[in-house]
Amino acid sequence: MEHIAAVLLVIGCSNAMTECRELPVSVSVFESAQECAAERPFALSDVQGQAPRIIAKCLSVDPALEDDYDQIVWNVRPDGTLDASVEISNLEVASTGARAEKDFLSQQ
């Protein structure tokens, strides 16, 4: 099984950097940060023309937690700086311990 060590995030923005969206790329997960960095220029050329300004960044992923990551959080500053990270949401599941126990004979 291959492990993910980096994710390539590509964002397309308006000229004023006020409207931005994620742009899909053909390969977005990599086994190493070096592979991601090597692919970055090719991904940028593939999405050229889809937005006036395009920013791409390789985000580190802890391979031990790769199955737990469930969101990419990003923000583009007015100066064009992309702040982004791969995160685990703080989803908590609540349940009650009060459960009616059933015995085999009463289950029907």
PDB file of N, CA and C in Angstrom:
ATOM      1  N   MET A   1       0.842  -1.177   0.000  1.00  0.00           N
ATOM      2  CA  MET A   1       0.000   0.000   0.000  1.00  0.00           C
ATOM      3  C   MET A   1       0.893   1.247   0.000  1.00  0.00           C
ATOM      4  N   GLU A   2       0.571   2.173  -0.871  1.00  0.00           N
ATOM      5  CA  GLU A   2       1.325   3.415  -0.954  1.00  0.00           C
ATOM      6  C   GLU A   2       0.851   4.391   0.109  1.00  0.00           C
ATOM      7  N   HIS A   3       1.801   5.159   0.633  1.00  0.00           N
ATOM      8  CA  HIS A   3       1.456   6.160   1.625  1.00  0.00           C
ATOM      9  C   HIS A   3       1.539   7.543   1.000  1.00  0.00           C
ATOM     10  N   ILE A   4       0.702   8.427   1.473  1.00  0.00           N
ATOM     11  CA  ILE A   4       0.675   9.800   0.991  1.00  0.00           C
ATOM     12  C   ILE A   4       1.526  10.651   1.923  1.00  0.00           C
ATOM     13  N   ALA A   5       2.445  11.436   1.350  1.00  0.00           N
ATOM     14  CA  ALA A   5       3.284  12.330   2.150  1.00  0.00           C
ATOM     15  C   ALA A   5       3.039  13.785   1.800  1.00  0.00           C
ATOM     16  N   ALA A   6       2.383  14.033   0.640  1.00  0.00           N
ATOM     17  CA  ALA A   6       2.116  15.415   0.226  1.00  0.00           C
ATOM     18  C   ALA A   6       0.893  15.472  -0.679  1.00  0.00           C
ATOM     19  N   VAL A   7       0.214  16.604  -0.610  1.00  0.00           N
ATOM     20  CA  VAL A   7      -0.956  16.871  -1.441  1.00  0.00           C
ATOM     21  C   VAL A   7      -0.692  18.169  -2.187  1.00  0.00           C
ATOM     22  N   LEU A   8      -0.980  18.177  -3.486  1.00  0.00           N
ATOM     23  CA  LEU A   8      -0.815  19.379  -4.288  1.00  0.00           C
ATOM     24  C   LEU A   8      -2.153  20.114  -4.345  1.00  0.00           C
ATOM     25  N   LEU A   9      -2.161  21.331  -3.839  1.00  0.00           N
ATOM     26  CA  LEU A   9      -3.349  22.171  -3.849  1.00  0.00           C
ATOM     27  C   LEU A   9      -3.143  23.266  -4.877  1.00  0.00           C
ATOM     28  N   VAL A  10      -4.085  23.399  -5.816  1.00  0.00           N
ATOM     29  CA  VAL A  10      -4.005  24.429  -6.843  1.00  0.00           C
ATOM     30  C   VAL A  10      -5.252  25.301  -6.726  1.00  0.00           C
ATOM     31  N   ILE A  11      -5.031  26.598  -6.592  1.00  0.00           N
ATOM     32  CA  ILE A  11      -6.113  27.567  -6.410  1.00  0.00           C
ATOM     33  C   ILE A  11      -6.076  28.570  -7.554  1.00  0.00           C
ATOM     34  N   GLY A  12      -7.244  28.834  -8.139  1.00  0.00           N
ATOM     35  CA  GLY A  12      -7.379  29.853  -9.170  1.00  0.00           C
ATOM     36  C   GLY A  12      -8.145  31.038  -8.610  1.00  0.00           C
ATOM     37  N   CYS A  13      -7.664  32.251  -8.873  1.00  0.00           N
ATOM     38  CA  CYS A  13      -8.277  33.464  -8.317  1.00  0.00           C
ATOM     39  C   CYS A  13      -8.513  34.510  -9.404  1.00  0.00           C
ATOM     40  N   SER A  14      -9.365  35.451  -9.069  1.00  0.00           N
ATOM     41  CA  SER A  14      -9.567  36.620  -9.914  1.00  0.00           C
ATOM     42  C   SER A  14      -8.324  37.504  -9.826  1.00  0.00           C
ATOM     43  N   ASN A  15      -8.209  38.482 -10.725  1.00  0.00           N
ATOM     44  CA  ASN A  15      -7.057  39.394 -10.695  1.00  0.00           C
ATOM     45  C   ASN A  15      -6.922  40.109  -9.358  1.00  0.00           C
ATOM     46  N   ALA A  16      -8.061  40.451  -8.743  1.00  0.00           N
ATOM     47  CA  ALA A  16      -8.054  41.171  -7.471  1.00  0.00           C
ATOM     48  C   ALA A  16      -7.868  40.243  -6.273  1.00  0.00           C
ATOM     49  N   MET A  17      -7.775  38.939  -6.522  1.00  0.00           N
ATOM     50  CA  MET A  17      -7.605  37.932  -5.471  1.00  0.00           C
ATOM     51  C   MET A  17      -8.789  37.916  -4.493  1.00  0.00           C
ATOM     52  N   THR A  18      -9.953  38.360  -4.950  1.00  0.00           N
ATOM     53  CA  THR A  18     -11.126  38.391  -4.078  1.00  0.00           C
ATOM     54  C   THR A  18     -12.013  37.161  -4.248  1.00  0.00           C
ATOM     55  N   GLU A  19     -11.915  36.499  -5.379  1.00  0.00           N
ATOM     56  CA  GLU A  19     -12.698  35.286  -5.630  1.00  0.00           C
ATOM     57  C   GLU A  19     -11.736  34.175  -6.009  1.00  0.00           C
ATOM     58  N   CYS A  20     -11.727  33.114  -5.213  1.00  0.00           N
ATOM     59  CA  CYS A  20     -10.805  32.007  -5.448  1.00  0.00           C
ATOM     60  C   CYS A  20     -11.544  30.680  -5.324  1.00  0.00           C
ATOM     61  N   ARG A  21     -11.004  29.680  -6.038  1.00  0.00           N
ATOM     62  CA  ARG A  21     -11.585  28.334  -5.965  1.00  0.00           C
ATOM     63  C   ARG A  21     -10.494  27.310  -6.235  1.00  0.00           C
ATOM     64  N   GLU A  22     -10.711  26.104  -5.756  1.00  0.00           N
ATOM     65  CA  GLU A  22      -9.769  25.028  -6.012  1.00  0.00           C
ATOM     66  C   GLU A  22      -9.895  24.610  -7.470  1.00  0.00           C
ATOM     67  N   LEU A  23      -8.775  24.333  -8.095  1.00  0.00           N
ATOM     68  CA  LEU A  23      -8.760  23.832  -9.465  1.00  0.00           C
ATOM     69  C   LEU A  23      -8.325  22.369  -9.448  1.00  0.00           C
ATOM     70  N   PRO A  24      -9.030  21.508 -10.185  1.00  0.00           N
ATOM     71  CA  PRO A  24      -8.657  20.097 -10.198  1.00  0.00           C
ATOM     72  C   PRO A  24      -7.377  19.879 -11.012  1.00  0.00           C
ATOM     73  N   VAL A  25      -6.552  18.956 -10.545  1.00  0.00           N
ATOM     74  CA  VAL A  25      -5.334  18.569 -11.258  1.00  0.00           C
ATOM     75  C   VAL A  25      -5.345  17.061 -11.444  1.00  0.00           C
ATOM     76  N   SER A  26      -4.605  16.591 -12.447  1.00  0.00           N
ATOM     77  CA  SER A  26      -4.636  15.157 -12.759  1.00  0.00           C
ATOM     78  C   SER A  26      -4.043  14.300 -11.643  1.00  0.00           C
ATOM     79  N   VAL A  27      -2.984  14.775 -11.008  1.00  0.00           N
ATOM     80  CA  VAL A  27      -2.385  14.051  -9.880  1.00  0.00           C
ATOM     81  C   VAL A  27      -2.290  15.028  -8.718  1.00  0.00           C
ATOM     82  N   SER A  28      -2.875  14.650  -7.580  1.00  0.00           N
ATOM     83  CA  SER A  28      -2.864  15.573  -6.444  1.00  0.00           C
ATOM     84  C   SER A  28      -2.260  14.986  -5.172  1.00  0.00           C
ATOM     85  N   VAL A  29      -1.959  13.686  -5.158  1.00  0.00           N
ATOM     86  CA  VAL A  29      -1.349  13.074  -3.973  1.00  0.00           C
ATOM     87  C   VAL A  29      -0.027  12.416  -4.357  1.00  0.00           C
ATOM     88  N   PHE A  30       0.942  12.507  -3.444  1.00  0.00           N
ATOM     89  CA  PHE A  30       2.294  12.047  -3.740  1.00  0.00           C
ATOM     90  C   PHE A  30       2.890  11.320  -2.547  1.00  0.00           C
ATOM     91  N   GLU A  31       3.819  10.412  -2.842  1.00  0.00           N
ATOM     92  CA  GLU A  31       4.504   9.649  -1.800  1.00  0.00           C
ATOM     93  C   GLU A  31       5.610  10.444  -1.127  1.00  0.00           C
ATOM     94  N   SER A  32       6.021  11.558  -1.739  1.00  0.00           N
ATOM     95  CA  SER A  32       7.051  12.388  -1.125  1.00  0.00           C
ATOM     96  C   SER A  32       6.825  13.850  -1.481  1.00  0.00           C
ATOM     97  N   ALA A  33       7.356  14.731  -0.653  1.00  0.00           N
ATOM     98  CA  ALA A  33       7.268  16.161  -0.924  1.00  0.00           C
ATOM     99  C   ALA A  33       8.051  16.508  -2.187  1.00  0.00           C
ATOM    100  N   GLN A  34       9.143  15.790  -2.447  1.00  0.00           N
ATOM    101  CA  GLN A  34       9.948  16.037  -3.637  1.00  0.00           C
ATOM    102  C   GLN A  34       9.167  15.729  -4.912  1.00  0.00           C
ATOM    103  N   GLU A  35       8.399  14.629  -4.910  1.00  0.00           N
ATOM    104  CA  GLU A  35       7.576  14.295  -6.074  1.00  0.00           C
ATOM    105  C   GLU A  35       6.534  15.373  -6.311  1.00  0.00           C
ATOM    106  N   CYS A  36       5.940  15.874  -5.247  1.00  0.00           N
ATOM    107  CA  CYS A  36       4.935  16.927  -5.353  1.00  0.00           C
ATOM    108  C   CYS A  36       5.556  18.190  -5.947  1.00  0.00           C
ATOM    109  N   ALA A  37       6.712  18.575  -5.432  1.00  0.00           N
ATOM    110  CA  ALA A  37       7.394  19.779  -5.926  1.00  0.00           C
ATOM    111  C   ALA A  37       7.769  19.630  -7.399  1.00  0.00           C
ATOM    112  N   ALA A  38       8.155  18.426  -7.811  1.00  0.00           N
ATOM    113  CA  ALA A  38       8.520  18.193  -9.207  1.00  0.00           C
ATOM    114  C   ALA A  38       7.307  18.278 -10.128  1.00  0.00           C
ATOM    115  N   GLU A  39       6.154  17.876  -9.648  1.00  0.00           N
ATOM    116  CA  GLU A  39       4.925  17.890 -10.453  1.00  0.00           C
ATOM    117  C   GLU A  39       4.285  19.269 -10.523  1.00  0.00           C
ATOM    118  N   ARG A  40       4.563  20.107  -9.546  1.00  0.00           N
ATOM    119  CA  ARG A  40       3.917  21.422  -9.423  1.00  0.00           C
ATOM    120  C   ARG A  40       3.970  22.255 -10.712  1.00  0.00           C
ATOM    121  N   PRO A  41       5.113  22.424 -11.377  1.00  0.00           N
ATOM    122  CA  PRO A  41       5.129  23.238 -12.599  1.00  0.00           C
ATOM    123  C   PRO A  41       4.255  22.666 -13.714  1.00  0.00           C
ATOM    124  N   PHE A  42       4.201  21.326 -13.807  1.00  0.00           N
ATOM    125  CA  PHE A  42       3.377  20.697 -14.827  1.00  0.00           C
ATOM    126  C   PHE A  42       1.895  20.913 -14.540  1.00  0.00           C
ATOM    127  N   ALA A  43       1.515  20.817 -13.261  1.00  0.00           N
ATOM    128  CA  ALA A  43       0.122  21.060 -12.868  1.00  0.00           C
ATOM    129  C   ALA A  43      -0.264  22.504 -13.168  1.00  0.00           C
ATOM    130  N   LEU A  44       0.641  23.433 -12.882  1.00  0.00           N
ATOM    131  CA  LEU A  44       0.360  24.847 -13.175  1.00  0.00           C
ATOM    132  C   LEU A  44       0.158  25.063 -14.667  1.00  0.00           C
ATOM    133  N   SER A  45       0.951  24.420 -15.491  1.00  0.00           N
ATOM    134  CA  SER A  45       0.781  24.596 -16.937  1.00  0.00           C
ATOM    135  C   SER A  45      -0.513  23.946 -17.420  1.00  0.00           C
ATOM    136  N   ASP A  46      -0.929  22.836 -16.781  1.00  0.00           N
ATOM    137  CA  ASP A  46      -2.184  22.163 -17.168  1.00  0.00           C
ATOM    138  C   ASP A  46      -3.416  23.021 -16.899  1.00  0.00           C
ATOM    139  N   VAL A  47      -3.378  23.857 -15.857  1.00  0.00           N
ATOM    140  CA  VAL A  47      -4.554  24.659 -15.494  1.00  0.00           C
ATOM    141  C   VAL A  47      -4.463  26.102 -15.994  1.00  0.00           C
ATOM    142  N   GLN A  48      -3.381  26.409 -16.713  1.00  0.00           N
ATOM    143  CA  GLN A  48      -3.206  27.766 -17.251  1.00  0.00           C
ATOM    144  C   GLN A  48      -4.440  28.172 -18.051  1.00  0.00           C
ATOM    145  N   GLY A  49      -4.917  29.378 -17.802  1.00  0.00           N
ATOM    146  CA  GLY A  49      -6.083  29.898 -18.500  1.00  0.00           C
ATOM    147  C   GLY A  49      -7.407  29.646 -17.791  1.00  0.00           C
ATOM    148  N   GLN A  50      -7.409  28.815 -16.744  1.00  0.00           N
ATOM    149  CA  GLN A  50      -8.649  28.537 -16.018  1.00  0.00           C
ATOM    150  C   GLN A  50      -8.993  29.634 -15.025  1.00  0.00           C
ATOM    151  N   ALA A  51      -8.032  30.507 -14.738  1.00  0.00           N
ATOM    152  CA  ALA A  51      -8.246  31.641 -13.827  1.00  0.00           C
ATOM    153  C   ALA A  51      -7.155  32.670 -14.120  1.00  0.00           C
ATOM    154  N   PRO A  52      -7.440  33.949 -13.870  1.00  0.00           N
ATOM    155  CA  PRO A  52      -6.427  34.976 -14.114  1.00  0.00           C
ATOM    156  C   PRO A  52      -5.147  34.797 -13.289  1.00  0.00           C
ATOM    157  N   ARG A  53      -5.288  34.346 -12.043  1.00  0.00           N
ATOM    158  CA  ARG A  53      -4.115  34.130 -11.176  1.00  0.00           C
ATOM    159  C   ARG A  53      -4.224  32.728 -10.591  1.00  0.00           C
ATOM    160  N   ILE A  54      -3.139  31.999 -10.652  1.00  0.00           N
ATOM    161  CA  ILE A  54      -3.130  30.612 -10.173  1.00  0.00           C
ATOM    162  C   ILE A  54      -1.972  30.425  -9.197  1.00  0.00           C
ATOM    163  N   ILE A  55      -2.276  29.789  -8.081  1.00  0.00           N
ATOM    164  CA  ILE A  55      -1.290  29.533  -7.028  1.00  0.00           C
ATOM    165  C   ILE A  55      -1.321  28.033  -6.737  1.00  0.00           C
ATOM    166  N   ALA A  56      -0.159  27.438  -6.550  1.00  0.00           N
ATOM    167  CA  ALA A  56      -0.097  26.020  -6.201  1.00  0.00           C
ATOM    168  C   ALA A  56       0.864  25.834  -5.038  1.00  0.00           C
ATOM    169  N   LYS A  57       0.511  24.900  -4.171  1.00  0.00           N
ATOM    170  CA  LYS A  57       1.342  24.653  -2.989  1.00  0.00           C
ATOM    171  C   LYS A  57       1.276  23.173  -2.640  1.00  0.00           C
ATOM    172  N   CYS A  58       2.421  22.607  -2.268  1.00  0.00           N
ATOM    173  CA  CYS A  58       2.472  21.232  -1.775  1.00  0.00           C
ATOM    174  C   CYS A  58       2.281  21.264  -0.265  1.00  0.00           C
ATOM    175  N   LEU A  59       1.339  20.472   0.203  1.00  0.00           N
ATOM    176  CA  LEU A  59       1.036  20.420   1.629  1.00  0.00           C
ATOM    177  C   LEU A  59       1.516  19.096   2.209  1.00  0.00           C
ATOM    178  N   SER A  60       2.214  19.156   3.311  1.00  0.00           N
ATOM    179  CA  SER A  60       2.722  17.945   3.960  1.00  0.00           C
ATOM    180  C   SER A  60       1.599  17.164   4.621  1.00  0.00           C
ATOM    181  N   VAL A  61       1.719  15.856   4.543  1.00  0.00           N
ATOM    182  CA  VAL A  61       0.759  14.942   5.164  1.00  0.00           C
ATOM    183  C   VAL A  61       1.554  13.949   5.995  1.00  0.00           C
ATOM    184  N   ASP A  62       1.134  13.731   7.223  1.00  0.00           N
ATOM    185  CA  ASP A  62       1.761  12.712   8.061  1.00  0.00           C
ATOM    186  C   ASP A  62       1.217  11.352   7.605  1.00  0.00           C
ATOM    187  N   PRO A  63       2.062  10.484   7.023  1.00  0.00           N
ATOM    188  CA  PRO A  63       1.572   9.197   6.525  1.00  0.00           C
ATOM    189  C   PRO A  63       0.858   8.363   7.586  1.00  0.00           C
ATOM    190  N   ALA A  64       1.227   8.524   8.834  1.00  0.00           N
ATOM    191  CA  ALA A  64       0.579   7.759   9.913  1.00  0.00           C
ATOM    192  C   ALA A  64      -0.871   8.193  10.116  1.00  0.00           C
ATOM    193  N   LEU A  65      -1.199   9.406   9.685  1.00  0.00           N
ATOM    194  CA  LEU A  65      -2.550   9.934   9.870  1.00  0.00           C
ATOM    195  C   LEU A  65      -3.317  10.092   8.564  1.00  0.00           C
ATOM    196  N   GLU A  66      -2.788   9.591   7.448  1.00  0.00           N
ATOM    197  CA  GLU A  66      -3.387   9.864   6.150  1.00  0.00           C
ATOM    198  C   GLU A  66      -4.859   9.470   6.050  1.00  0.00           C
ATOM    199  N   ASP A  67      -5.279   8.416   6.727  1.00  0.00           N
ATOM    200  CA  ASP A  67      -6.687   8.015   6.671  1.00  0.00           C
ATOM    201  C   ASP A  67      -7.579   8.910   7.532  1.00  0.00           C
ATOM    202  N   ASP A  68      -6.982   9.676   8.438  1.00  0.00           N
ATOM    203  CA  ASP A  68      -7.752  10.531   9.334  1.00  0.00           C
ATOM    204  C   ASP A  68      -7.997  11.927   8.767  1.00  0.00           C
ATOM    205  N   TYR A  69      -7.132  12.364   7.864  1.00  0.00           N
ATOM    206  CA  TYR A  69      -7.311  13.698   7.275  1.00  0.00           C
ATOM    207  C   TYR A  69      -8.608  13.728   6.476  1.00  0.00           C
ATOM    208  N   ASP A  70      -9.391  14.784   6.669  1.00  0.00           N
ATOM    209  CA  ASP A  70     -10.655  14.860   5.947  1.00  0.00           C
ATOM    210  C   ASP A  70     -10.964  16.243   5.374  1.00  0.00           C
ATOM    211  N   GLN A  71     -10.025  17.162   5.489  1.00  0.00           N
ATOM    212  CA  GLN A  71     -10.290  18.480   4.912  1.00  0.00           C
ATOM    213  C   GLN A  71      -8.990  19.226   4.611  1.00  0.00           C
ATOM    214  N   ILE A  72      -9.070  20.062   3.582  1.00  0.00           N
ATOM    215  CA  ILE A  72      -7.993  20.987   3.273  1.00  0.00           C
ATOM    216  C   ILE A  72      -8.535  22.375   3.573  1.00  0.00           C
ATOM    217  N   VAL A  73      -7.847  23.075   4.449  1.00  0.00           N
ATOM    218  CA  VAL A  73      -8.255  24.422   4.847  1.00  0.00           C
ATOM    219  C   VAL A  73      -7.294  25.392   4.172  1.00  0.00           C
ATOM    220  N   TRP A  74      -7.844  26.376   3.440  1.00  0.00           N
ATOM    221  CA  TRP A  74      -6.971  27.316   2.749  1.00  0.00           C
ATOM    222  C   TRP A  74      -7.562  28.718   2.731  1.00  0.00           C
ATOM    223  N   ASN A  75      -6.661  29.681   2.568  1.00  0.00           N
ATOM    224  CA  ASN A  75      -7.038  31.087   2.487  1.00  0.00           C
ATOM    225  C   ASN A  75      -5.989  31.792   1.625  1.00  0.00           C
ATOM    226  N   VAL A  76      -6.476  32.618   0.700  1.00  0.00           N
ATOM    227  CA  VAL A  76      -5.570  33.404  -0.121  1.00  0.00           C
ATOM    228  C   VAL A  76      -5.624  34.837   0.383  1.00  0.00           C
ATOM    229  N   ARG A  77      -4.464  35.354   0.750  1.00  0.00           N
ATOM    230  CA  ARG A  77      -4.374  36.734   1.227  1.00  0.00           C
ATOM    231  C   ARG A  77      -4.386  37.690   0.028  1.00  0.00           C
ATOM    232  N   PRO A  78      -4.735  38.951   0.255  1.00  0.00           N
ATOM    233  CA  PRO A  78      -4.754  39.922  -0.841  1.00  0.00           C
ATOM    234  C   PRO A  78      -3.419  40.044  -1.584  1.00  0.00           C
ATOM    235  N   ASP A  79      -2.302  39.746  -0.911  1.00  0.00           N
ATOM    236  CA  ASP A  79      -0.995  39.833  -1.577  1.00  0.00           C
ATOM    237  C   ASP A  79      -0.668  38.584  -2.395  1.00  0.00           C
ATOM    238  N   GLY A  80      -1.598  37.602  -2.430  1.00  0.00           N
ATOM    239  CA  GLY A  80      -1.403  36.392  -3.210  1.00  0.00           C
ATOM    240  C   GLY A  80      -0.775  35.247  -2.455  1.00  0.00           C
ATOM    241  N   THR A  81      -0.515  35.425  -1.180  1.00  0.00           N
ATOM    242  CA  THR A  81       0.047  34.358  -0.357  1.00  0.00           C
ATOM    243  C   THR A  81      -1.038  33.325  -0.048  1.00  0.00           C
ATOM    244  N   LEU A  82      -0.716  32.066  -0.256  1.00  0.00           N
ATOM    245  CA  LEU A  82      -1.654  30.980   0.028  1.00  0.00           C
ATOM    246  C   LEU A  82      -1.289  30.335   1.353  1.00  0.00           C
ATOM    247  N   ASP A  83      -2.189  30.418   2.318  1.00  0.00           N
ATOM    248  CA  ASP A  83      -2.056  29.702   3.587  1.00  0.00           C
ATOM    249  C   ASP A  83      -2.943  28.474   3.481  1.00  0.00           C
ATOM    250  N   ALA A  84      -2.374  27.287   3.670  1.00  0.00           N
ATOM    251  CA  ALA A  84      -3.166  26.071   3.524  1.00  0.00           C
ATOM    252  C   ALA A  84      -2.581  24.948   4.368  1.00  0.00           C
ATOM    253  N   SER A  85      -3.465  24.028   4.753  1.00  0.00           N
ATOM    254  CA  SER A  85      -3.034  22.851   5.494  1.00  0.00           C
ATOM    255  C   SER A  85      -4.054  21.732   5.324  1.00  0.00           C
ATOM    256  N   VAL A  86      -3.577  20.515   5.498  1.00  0.00           N
ATOM    257  CA  VAL A  86      -4.447  19.343   5.507  1.00  0.00           C
ATOM    258  C   VAL A  86      -4.731  19.061   6.971  1.00  0.00           C
ATOM    259  N   GLU A  87      -6.023  18.925   7.307  1.00  0.00           N
ATOM    260  CA  GLU A  87      -6.377  18.810   8.723  1.00  0.00           C
ATOM    261  C   GLU A  87      -7.364  17.686   8.985  1.00  0.00           C
ATOM    262  N   ILE A  88      -7.466  17.386  10.248  1.00  0.00           N
ATOM    263  CA  ILE A  88      -8.454  16.433  10.741  1.00  0.00           C
ATOM    264  C   ILE A  88      -9.513  17.255  11.450  1.00  0.00           C
ATOM    265  N   SER A  89     -10.756  17.096  11.030  1.00  0.00           N
ATOM    266  CA  SER A  89     -11.813  17.874  11.679  1.00  0.00           C
ATOM    267  C   SER A  89     -12.003  17.379  13.101  1.00  0.00           C
ATOM    268  N   ASN A  90     -12.526  18.232  13.917  1.00  0.00           N
ATOM    269  CA  ASN A  90     -12.768  17.894  15.316  1.00  0.00           C
ATOM    270  C   ASN A  90     -14.171  17.349  15.507  1.00  0.00           C
ATOM    271  N   LEU A  91     -14.566  16.468  14.611  1.00  0.00           N
ATOM    272  CA  LEU A  91     -15.882  15.872  14.676  1.00  0.00           C
ATOM    273  C   LEU A  91     -15.962  14.938  15.877  1.00  0.00           C
ATOM    274  N   GLU A  92     -16.941  15.186  16.706  1.00  0.00           N
ATOM    275  CA  GLU A  92     -17.145  14.319  17.859  1.00  0.00           C
ATOM    276  C   GLU A  92     -18.515  13.674  17.747  1.00  0.00           C
ATOM    277  N   VAL A  93     -18.576  12.424  18.082  1.00  0.00           N
ATOM    278  CA  VAL A  93     -19.839  11.697  18.036  1.00  0.00           C
ATOM    279  C   VAL A  93     -20.319  11.513  19.462  1.00  0.00           C
ATOM    280  N   ALA A  94     -21.546  11.942  19.702  1.00  0.00           N
ATOM    281  CA  ALA A  94     -22.111  11.821  21.046  1.00  0.00           C
ATOM    282  C   ALA A  94     -23.114  10.670  21.061  1.00  0.00           C
ATOM    283  N   SER A  95     -23.118   9.961  22.147  1.00  0.00           N
ATOM    284  CA  SER A  95     -24.128   8.921  22.317  1.00  0.00           C
ATOM    285  C   SER A  95     -24.444   8.817  23.790  1.00  0.00           C
ATOM    286  N   THR A  96     -25.543   8.230  24.042  1.00  0.00           N
ATOM    287  CA  THR A  96     -25.956   8.058  25.425  1.00  0.00           C
ATOM    288  C   THR A  96     -25.642   6.632  25.854  1.00  0.00           C
ATOM    289  N   GLY A  97     -25.283   6.480  27.084  1.00  0.00           N
ATOM    290  CA  GLY A  97     -25.005   5.152  27.607  1.00  0.00           C
ATOM    291  C   GLY A  97     -26.284   4.424  28.002  1.00  0.00           C
ATOM    292  N   ALA A  98     -27.387   5.148  28.070  1.00  0.00           N
ATOM    293  CA  ALA A  98     -28.661   4.541  28.468  1.00  0.00           C
ATOM    294  C   ALA A  98     -29.245   3.797  27.277  1.00  0.00           C
ATOM    295  N   ARG A  99     -29.160   2.497  27.320  1.00  0.00           N
ATOM    296  CA  ARG A  99     -29.698   1.663  26.257  1.00  0.00           C
ATOM    297  C   ARG A  99     -30.517   0.559  26.869  1.00  0.00           C
ATOM    298  N   ALA A 100     -31.626   0.321  26.269  1.00  0.00           N
ATOM    299  CA  ALA A 100     -32.451  -0.792  26.751  1.00  0.00           C
ATOM    300  C   ALA A 100     -31.800  -2.090  26.312  1.00  0.00           C
ATOM    301  N   GLU A 101     -31.408  -2.884  27.258  1.00  0.00           N
ATOM    302  CA  GLU A 101     -30.801  -4.181  26.943  1.00  0.00           C
ATOM    303  C   GLU A 101     -31.908  -5.162  26.631  1.00  0.00           C
ATOM    304  N   LYS A 102     -31.666  -5.969  25.619  1.00  0.00           N
ATOM    305  CA  LYS A 102     -32.651  -6.974  25.226  1.00  0.00           C
ATOM    306  C   LYS A 102     -32.038  -8.349  25.428  1.00  0.00           C
ATOM    307  N   ASP A 103     -32.864  -9.252  25.892  1.00  0.00           N
ATOM    308  CA  ASP A 103     -32.369 -10.614  25.942  1.00  0.00           C
ATOM    309  C   ASP A 103     -32.818 -11.331  24.670  1.00  0.00           C
ATOM    310  N   PHE A 104     -32.261 -12.467  24.435  1.00  0.00           N
ATOM    311  CA  PHE A 104     -32.519 -13.182  23.194  1.00  0.00           C
ATOM    312  C   PHE A 104     -33.995 -13.493  23.000  1.00  0.00           C
ATOM    313  N   LEU A 105     -34.707 -13.862  24.032  1.00  0.00           N
ATOM    314  CA  LEU A 105     -36.107 -14.253  23.905  1.00  0.00           C
ATOM    315  C   LEU A 105     -37.039 -13.078  23.587  1.00  0.00           C
ATOM    316  N   SER A 106     -36.725 -11.861  24.033  1.00  0.00           N
ATOM    317  CA  SER A 106     -37.626 -10.753  23.797  1.00  0.00           C
ATOM    318  C   SER A 106     -37.330 -10.006  22.494  1.00  0.00           C
ATOM    319  N   GLN A 107     -36.294 -10.398  21.767  1.00  0.00           N
ATOM    320  CA  GLN A 107     -35.972  -9.733  20.493  1.00  0.00           C
ATOM    321  C   GLN A 107     -36.803 -10.362  19.387  1.00  0.00           C
ATOM    322  N   GLN A 108     -37.772  -9.615  18.864  1.00  0.00           N
ATOM    323  CA  GLN A 108     -38.577 -10.116  17.749  1.00  0.00           C
ATOM    324  C   GLN A 108     -39.102  -8.998  16.942  1.00  0.00           C
TER     325      GLN A 108
END
